[in-house]
Every structure is written in C-alpha cells, then in structure tokens.
PDB file of N, CA and C in Angstrom:
ATOM      1  N   MET A   1      51.222  -6.907  -8.829  1.00  0.00           N
ATOM      2  CA  MET A   1      50.708  -5.921  -7.994  1.00  0.00           C
ATOM      3  C   MET A   1      49.934  -6.460  -6.813  1.00  0.00           C
ATOM      4  N   VAL A   2      49.955  -7.862  -6.689  1.00  0.00           N
ATOM      5  CA  VAL A   2      49.223  -8.513  -5.705  1.00  0.00           C
ATOM      6  C   VAL A   2      49.864  -8.194  -4.239  1.00  0.00           C
ATOM      7  N   ASP A   3      48.983  -7.738  -3.540  1.00  0.00           N
ATOM      8  CA  ASP A   3      49.346  -7.237  -2.102  1.00  0.00           C
ATOM      9  C   ASP A   3      50.238  -6.070  -2.061  1.00  0.00           C
ATOM     10  N   LEU A   4      50.256  -5.195  -3.288  1.00  0.00           N
ATOM     11  CA  LEU A   4      51.029  -3.964  -3.148  1.00  0.00           C
ATOM     12  C   LEU A   4      50.412  -2.963  -2.154  1.00  0.00           C
ATOM     13  N   SER A   5      51.437  -2.379  -1.477  1.00  0.00           N
ATOM     14  CA  SER A   5      50.950  -1.307  -0.510  1.00  0.00           C
ATOM     15  C   SER A   5      52.009  -0.153  -0.551  1.00  0.00           C
ATOM     16  N   ALA A   6      51.478   0.914  -0.011  1.00  0.00           N
ATOM     17  CA  ALA A   6      52.335   2.031   0.181  1.00  0.00           C
ATOM     18  C   ALA A   6      53.669   1.785   1.126  1.00  0.00           C
ATOM     19  N   GLU A   7      53.398   0.980   2.027  1.00  0.00           N
ATOM     20  CA  GLU A   7      54.438   0.590   2.983  1.00  0.00           C
ATOM     21  C   GLU A   7      55.535  -0.329   2.300  1.00  0.00           C
ATOM     22  N   LYS A   8      55.074  -1.189   1.407  1.00  0.00           N
ATOM     23  CA  LYS A   8      55.923  -2.272   0.900  1.00  0.00           C
ATOM     24  C   LYS A   8      56.763  -1.643  -0.383  1.00  0.00           C
ATOM     25  N   GLU A   9      56.150  -0.870  -1.164  1.00  0.00           N
ATOM     26  CA  GLU A   9      56.729  -0.334  -2.420  1.00  0.00           C
ATOM     27  C   GLU A   9      56.151   1.027  -2.538  1.00  0.00           C
ATOM     28  N   PRO A  10      56.671   2.110  -1.833  1.00  0.00           N
ATOM     29  CA  PRO A  10      56.038   3.418  -1.871  1.00  0.00           C
ATOM     30  C   PRO A  10      56.157   4.045  -3.289  1.00  0.00           C
ATOM     31  N   GLN A  11      57.298   3.845  -3.977  1.00  0.00           N
ATOM     32  CA  GLN A  11      57.443   4.561  -5.308  1.00  0.00           C
ATOM     33  C   GLN A  11      56.524   3.967  -6.290  1.00  0.00           C
ATOM     34  N   ILE A  12      56.356   2.634  -6.338  1.00  0.00           N
ATOM     35  CA  ILE A  12      55.368   2.094  -7.223  1.00  0.00           C
ATOM     36  C   ILE A  12      53.921   2.325  -6.956  1.00  0.00           C
ATOM     37  N   PHE A  13      53.671   2.322  -5.666  1.00  0.00           N
ATOM     38  CA  PHE A  13      52.279   2.697  -5.191  1.00  0.00           C
ATOM     39  C   PHE A  13      52.023   4.068  -5.626  1.00  0.00           C
ATOM     40  N   ALA A  14      52.865   4.950  -5.407  1.00  0.00           N
ATOM     41  CA  ALA A  14      52.608   6.356  -5.736  1.00  0.00           C
ATOM     42  C   ALA A  14      52.476   6.672  -7.239  1.00  0.00           C
ATOM     43  N   ALA A  15      53.138   5.797  -8.029  1.00  0.00           N
ATOM     44  CA  ALA A  15      53.062   5.865  -9.507  1.00  0.00           C
ATOM     45  C   ALA A  15      51.743   5.343 -10.113  1.00  0.00           C
ATOM     46  N   ILE A  16      50.951   4.803  -9.278  1.00  0.00           N
ATOM     47  CA  ILE A  16      49.659   4.261  -9.790  1.00  0.00           C
ATOM     48  C   ILE A  16      48.627   5.350  -9.599  1.00  0.00           C
ATOM     49  N   ARG A  17      48.476   6.070 -10.706  1.00  0.00           N
ATOM     50  CA  ARG A  17      47.501   7.327 -10.736  1.00  0.00           C
ATOM     51  C   ARG A  17      47.051   7.450 -12.098  1.00  0.00           C
ATOM     52  N   LYS A  18      46.196   8.441 -12.288  1.00  0.00           N
ATOM     53  CA  LYS A  18      45.591   8.699 -13.626  1.00  0.00           C
ATOM     54  C   LYS A  18      46.714   8.794 -14.678  1.00  0.00           C
ATOM     55  N   GLY A  19      46.533   7.901 -15.680  1.00  0.00           N
ATOM     56  CA  GLY A  19      47.565   7.843 -16.743  1.00  0.00           C
ATOM     57  C   GLY A  19      48.202   6.485 -16.717  1.00  0.00           C
ATOM     58  N   ALA A  20      48.247   5.802 -15.601  1.00  0.00           N
ATOM     59  CA  ALA A  20      48.881   4.446 -15.378  1.00  0.00           C
ATOM     60  C   ALA A  20      47.996   3.481 -16.042  1.00  0.00           C
ATOM     61  N   LEU A  21      48.638   2.555 -16.589  1.00  0.00           N
ATOM     62  CA  LEU A  21      47.808   1.311 -17.167  1.00  0.00           C
ATOM     63  C   LEU A  21      47.816   0.171 -16.301  1.00  0.00           C
ATOM     64  N   LEU A  22      46.577  -0.254 -15.958  1.00  0.00           N
ATOM     65  CA  LEU A  22      46.498  -1.500 -14.935  1.00  0.00           C
ATOM     66  C   LEU A  22      45.852  -2.442 -15.771  1.00  0.00           C
ATOM     67  N   GLU A  23      46.340  -3.782 -15.517  1.00  0.00           N
ATOM     68  CA  GLU A  23      45.951  -4.972 -16.257  1.00  0.00           C
ATOM     69  C   GLU A  23      45.584  -6.027 -15.287  1.00  0.00           C
ATOM     70  N   ASN A  24      44.501  -6.736 -15.544  1.00  0.00           N
ATOM     71  CA  ASN A  24      44.128  -7.994 -14.804  1.00  0.00           C
ATOM     72  C   ASN A  24      43.852  -7.635 -13.280  1.00  0.00           C
ATOM     73  N   ILE A  25      43.320  -6.518 -12.993  1.00  0.00           N
ATOM     74  CA  ILE A  25      42.999  -6.160 -11.621  1.00  0.00           C
ATOM     75  C   ILE A  25      41.475  -6.096 -11.369  1.00  0.00           C
ATOM     76  N   CYS A  26      41.104  -6.003 -10.124  1.00  0.00           N
ATOM     77  CA  CYS A  26      39.790  -5.924  -9.726  1.00  0.00           C
ATOM     78  C   CYS A  26      39.559  -4.579  -8.873  1.00  0.00           C
ATOM     79  N   LEU A  27      38.454  -4.089  -8.835  1.00  0.00           N
ATOM     80  CA  LEU A  27      38.124  -2.918  -8.120  1.00  0.00           C
ATOM     81  C   LEU A  27      37.355  -3.168  -6.915  1.00  0.00           C
ATOM     82  N   GLU A  28      37.393  -2.269  -5.905  1.00  0.00           N
ATOM     83  CA  GLU A  28      36.604  -2.552  -4.768  1.00  0.00           C
ATOM     84  C   GLU A  28      35.255  -1.960  -4.969  1.00  0.00           C
ATOM     85  N   GLY A  29      34.193  -3.067  -4.878  1.00  0.00           N
ATOM     86  CA  GLY A  29      32.771  -2.560  -4.969  1.00  0.00           C
ATOM     87  C   GLY A  29      32.639  -1.876  -6.191  1.00  0.00           C
ATOM     88  N   ASN A  30      31.743  -0.694  -6.174  1.00  0.00           N
ATOM     89  CA  ASN A  30      31.507   0.096  -7.225  1.00  0.00           C
ATOM     90  C   ASN A  30      32.442   1.316  -7.420  1.00  0.00           C
ATOM     91  N   SER A  31      33.592   1.230  -6.901  1.00  0.00           N
ATOM     92  CA  SER A  31      34.471   2.392  -6.884  1.00  0.00           C
ATOM     93  C   SER A  31      35.451   2.226  -7.926  1.00  0.00           C
ATOM     94  N   ASN A  32      36.423   3.100  -7.965  1.00  0.00           N
ATOM     95  CA  ASN A  32      37.590   3.095  -8.834  1.00  0.00           C
ATOM     96  C   ASN A  32      38.870   2.732  -8.097  1.00  0.00           C
ATOM     97  N   LYS A  33      38.710   2.156  -6.862  1.00  0.00           N
ATOM     98  CA  LYS A  33      39.861   1.981  -6.004  1.00  0.00           C
ATOM     99  C   LYS A  33      40.302   0.421  -6.358  1.00  0.00           C
ATOM    100  N   VAL A  34      41.551   0.364  -6.536  1.00  0.00           N
ATOM    101  CA  VAL A  34      42.034  -1.081  -6.948  1.00  0.00           C
ATOM    102  C   VAL A  34      42.108  -1.903  -5.607  1.00  0.00           C
ATOM    103  N   ASP A  35      41.732  -3.149  -5.731  1.00  0.00           N
ATOM    104  CA  ASP A  35      41.767  -4.109  -4.543  1.00  0.00           C
ATOM    105  C   ASP A  35      43.013  -4.916  -4.899  1.00  0.00           C
ATOM    106  N   PHE A  36      44.071  -4.755  -4.240  1.00  0.00           N
ATOM    107  CA  PHE A  36      45.242  -5.184  -4.327  1.00  0.00           C
ATOM    108  C   PHE A  36      45.381  -6.570  -3.869  1.00  0.00           C
ATOM    109  N   THR A  37      44.375  -7.080  -3.144  1.00  0.00           N
ATOM    110  CA  THR A  37      44.444  -8.358  -2.485  1.00  0.00           C
ATOM    111  C   THR A  37      43.500  -9.287  -3.187  1.00  0.00           C
ATOM    112  N   ASN A  38      42.873  -8.921  -4.249  1.00  0.00           N
ATOM    113  CA  ASN A  38      41.849  -9.841  -5.131  1.00  0.00           C
ATOM    114  C   ASN A  38      42.624 -10.422  -6.136  1.00  0.00           C
ATOM    115  N   THR A  39      42.671 -11.803  -6.194  1.00  0.00           N
ATOM    116  CA  THR A  39      43.436 -12.482  -7.229  1.00  0.00           C
ATOM    117  C   THR A  39      42.367 -13.415  -7.947  1.00  0.00           C
ATOM    118  N   SER A  40      41.092 -13.117  -7.841  1.00  0.00           N
ATOM    119  CA  SER A  40      40.029 -13.874  -8.529  1.00  0.00           C
ATOM    120  C   SER A  40      40.103 -14.063 -10.048  1.00  0.00           C
ATOM    121  N   LYS A  41      40.696 -13.029 -10.652  1.00  0.00           N
ATOM    122  CA  LYS A  41      40.981 -13.127 -12.036  1.00  0.00           C
ATOM    123  C   LYS A  41      42.247 -13.867 -12.472  1.00  0.00           C
ATOM    124  N   THR A  42      43.387 -13.407 -11.720  1.00  0.00           N
ATOM    125  CA  THR A  42      44.673 -14.099 -11.940  1.00  0.00           C
ATOM    126  C   THR A  42      45.618 -13.450 -10.869  1.00  0.00           C
ATOM    127  N   GLU A  43      46.758 -14.213 -10.585  1.00  0.00           N
ATOM    128  CA  GLU A  43      47.749 -13.559  -9.759  1.00  0.00           C
ATOM    129  C   GLU A  43      48.720 -12.699 -10.655  1.00  0.00           C
ATOM    130  N   ASN A  44      48.514 -12.640 -11.958  1.00  0.00           N
ATOM    131  CA  ASN A  44      49.363 -11.987 -12.870  1.00  0.00           C
ATOM    132  C   ASN A  44      48.839 -10.672 -13.118  1.00  0.00           C
ATOM    133  N   THR A  45      48.872  -9.801 -12.073  1.00  0.00           N
ATOM    134  CA  THR A  45      48.457  -8.386 -12.339  1.00  0.00           C
ATOM    135  C   THR A  45      49.584  -7.527 -12.696  1.00  0.00           C
ATOM    136  N   ARG A  46      49.364  -6.445 -13.453  1.00  0.00           N
ATOM    137  CA  ARG A  46      50.407  -5.671 -14.054  1.00  0.00           C
ATOM    138  C   ARG A  46      50.037  -4.215 -13.933  1.00  0.00           C
ATOM    139  N   VAL A  47      51.030  -3.288 -13.765  1.00  0.00           N
ATOM    140  CA  VAL A  47      50.836  -1.830 -14.051  1.00  0.00           C
ATOM    141  C   VAL A  47      52.007  -1.235 -14.872  1.00  0.00           C
ATOM    142  N   ALA A  48      51.672  -0.352 -15.733  1.00  0.00           N
ATOM    143  CA  ALA A  48      52.744   0.276 -16.473  1.00  0.00           C
ATOM    144  C   ALA A  48      52.448   1.783 -16.233  1.00  0.00           C
ATOM    145  N   TYR A  49      53.525   2.512 -16.110  1.00  0.00           N
ATOM    146  CA  TYR A  49      53.527   4.005 -16.018  1.00  0.00           C
ATOM    147  C   TYR A  49      54.685   4.507 -16.610  1.00  0.00           C
ATOM    148  N   THR A  50      54.680   5.810 -17.000  1.00  0.00           N
ATOM    149  CA  THR A  50      55.770   6.587 -17.460  1.00  0.00           C
ATOM    150  C   THR A  50      56.733   6.820 -16.329  1.00  0.00           C
ATOM    151  N   LEU A  51      58.073   6.982 -16.844  1.00  0.00           N
ATOM    152  CA  LEU A  51      59.131   7.127 -15.791  1.00  0.00           C
ATOM    153  C   LEU A  51      58.881   8.387 -14.986  1.00  0.00           C
ATOM    154  N   ASP A  52      58.247   9.474 -15.560  1.00  0.00           N
ATOM    155  CA  ASP A  52      58.131  10.678 -14.773  1.00  0.00           C
ATOM    156  C   ASP A  52      57.121  10.542 -13.697  1.00  0.00           C
ATOM    157  N   PHE A  53      56.453   9.301 -13.603  1.00  0.00           N
ATOM    158  CA  PHE A  53      55.499   9.143 -12.478  1.00  0.00           C
ATOM    159  C   PHE A  53      56.359   8.746 -11.270  1.00  0.00           C
ATOM    160  N   VAL A  54      57.552   8.374 -11.376  1.00  0.00           N
ATOM    161  CA  VAL A  54      58.338   7.862 -10.348  1.00  0.00           C
ATOM    162  C   VAL A  54      59.258   8.963  -9.595  1.00  0.00           C
ATOM    163  N   GLN A  55      58.842   9.229  -8.416  1.00  0.00           N
ATOM    164  CA  GLN A  55      59.472  10.243  -7.626  1.00  0.00           C
ATOM    165  C   GLN A  55      61.093  10.023  -7.583  1.00  0.00           C
ATOM    166  N   GLY A  56      61.888  10.956  -7.917  1.00  0.00           N
ATOM    167  CA  GLY A  56      63.248  10.758  -7.923  1.00  0.00           C
ATOM    168  C   GLY A  56      63.969  10.193  -9.100  1.00  0.00           C
ATOM    169  N   ALA A  57      63.140   9.772 -10.150  1.00  0.00           N
ATOM    170  CA  ALA A  57      63.661   9.438 -11.343  1.00  0.00           C
ATOM    171  C   ALA A  57      64.519  10.276 -12.046  1.00  0.00           C
ATOM    172  N   ILE A  58      65.532   9.961 -12.546  1.00  0.00           N
ATOM    173  CA  ILE A  58      66.504  10.788 -13.385  1.00  0.00           C
ATOM    174  C   ILE A  58      66.052  10.825 -14.795  1.00  0.00           C
ATOM    175  N   LEU A  59      65.761  12.004 -15.230  1.00  0.00           N
ATOM    176  CA  LEU A  59      65.300  12.182 -16.689  1.00  0.00           C
ATOM    177  C   LEU A  59      66.330  13.000 -17.461  1.00  0.00           C
ATOM    178  N   PRO A  60      66.614  12.725 -18.735  1.00  0.00           N
ATOM    179  CA  PRO A  60      66.205  11.528 -19.288  1.00  0.00           C
ATOM    180  C   PRO A  60      67.052  10.304 -18.775  1.00  0.00           C
ATOM    181  N   SER A  61      66.465   9.107 -18.879  1.00  0.00           N
ATOM    182  CA  SER A  61      67.193   7.832 -18.289  1.00  0.00           C
ATOM    183  C   SER A  61      67.762   7.180 -19.550  1.00  0.00           C
ATOM    184  N   ILE A  62      68.907   7.646 -19.866  1.00  0.00           N
ATOM    185  CA  ILE A  62      69.697   7.071 -20.919  1.00  0.00           C
ATOM    186  C   ILE A  62      71.003   6.538 -20.455  1.00  0.00           C
ATOM    187  N   ALA A  63      71.378   5.573 -20.891  1.00  0.00           N
ATOM    188  CA  ALA A  63      72.694   4.776 -20.690  1.00  0.00           C
ATOM    189  C   ALA A  63      73.396   4.493 -21.854  1.00  0.00           C
ATOM    190  N   ASP A  64      74.642   4.118 -21.766  1.00  0.00           N
ATOM    191  CA  ASP A  64      75.438   3.636 -23.003  1.00  0.00           C
ATOM    192  C   ASP A  64      74.849   2.326 -23.260  1.00  0.00           C
ATOM    193  N   ALA A  65      75.118   1.824 -24.544  1.00  0.00           N
ATOM    194  CA  ALA A  65      74.651   0.651 -25.161  1.00  0.00           C
ATOM    195  C   ALA A  65      75.350  -0.458 -24.417  1.00  0.00           C
ATOM    196  N   PRO A  66      74.791  -1.519 -24.100  1.00  0.00           N
ATOM    197  CA  PRO A  66      75.357  -2.748 -23.313  1.00  0.00           C
ATOM    198  C   PRO A  66      76.230  -3.327 -24.243  1.00  0.00           C
ATOM    199  N   PHE A  67      77.150  -4.134 -23.552  1.00  0.00           N
ATOM    200  CA  PHE A  67      78.237  -4.899 -24.345  1.00  0.00           C
ATOM    201  C   PHE A  67      78.116  -6.358 -23.846  1.00  0.00           C
ATOM    202  N   ALA A  68      78.519  -7.237 -24.647  1.00  0.00           N
ATOM    203  CA  ALA A  68      78.511  -8.638 -24.361  1.00  0.00           C
ATOM    204  C   ALA A  68      79.802  -8.945 -23.582  1.00  0.00           C
ATOM    205  N   CYS A  69      79.647  -9.748 -22.598  1.00  0.00           N
ATOM    206  CA  CYS A  69      80.780 -10.135 -21.791  1.00  0.00           C
ATOM    207  C   CYS A  69      80.725 -11.726 -21.780  1.00  0.00           C
ATOM    208  N   LEU A  70      81.572 -12.277 -22.356  1.00  0.00           N
ATOM    209  CA  LEU A  70      81.674 -13.873 -22.467  1.00  0.00           C
ATOM    210  C   LEU A  70      82.832 -14.251 -21.596  1.00  0.00           C
ATOM    211  N   SER A  71      82.575 -15.275 -20.824  1.00  0.00           N
ATOM    212  CA  SER A  71      83.767 -15.960 -20.191  1.00  0.00           C
ATOM    213  C   SER A  71      83.540 -17.424 -20.386  1.00  0.00           C
ATOM    214  N   LEU A  72      84.632 -18.006 -21.115  1.00  0.00           N
ATOM    215  CA  LEU A  72      84.555 -19.337 -21.421  1.00  0.00           C
ATOM    216  C   LEU A  72      85.411 -20.219 -20.481  1.00  0.00           C
TER     217      LEU A  72
END
C-alpha cells in the first residue's frame, strides 16, 4: 500500500473503508487517516477486504477448477 492513491489505484483505494483489514500501517497524527507514504515500520504494508468492497466486482466470483498444463 506504499504510496497508494485514488489516482493510481481507484478500486483498491475505495475498498479501504470500515471493515477492511490494514496491516503494518501508520496513521497521520492523532487521526484514523492512513499515511500511505510512511514506511517507518516496514515497506511491507497490506490491506485485505471482501470482494463486495470492490466496485464492479462480479459476485459470486466462482470459476472452474484449474487444470495442469505441462509442456515438455
């Protein structure tokens, strides 16, 4: 999530809301606003959210089972 912005990744940025899980992030001052430029903890920041947080996602998101494709 380092340097994440609405301009760079609008769908991901919009999915970060109440209910999303943020990991290894810093907040701005005494607020609950994420500081996407702060890497003082680590550059390995993460976010997890449910698929219904993504605008335009197709639900349910189910596909056929993958198959192995070997070329020798």
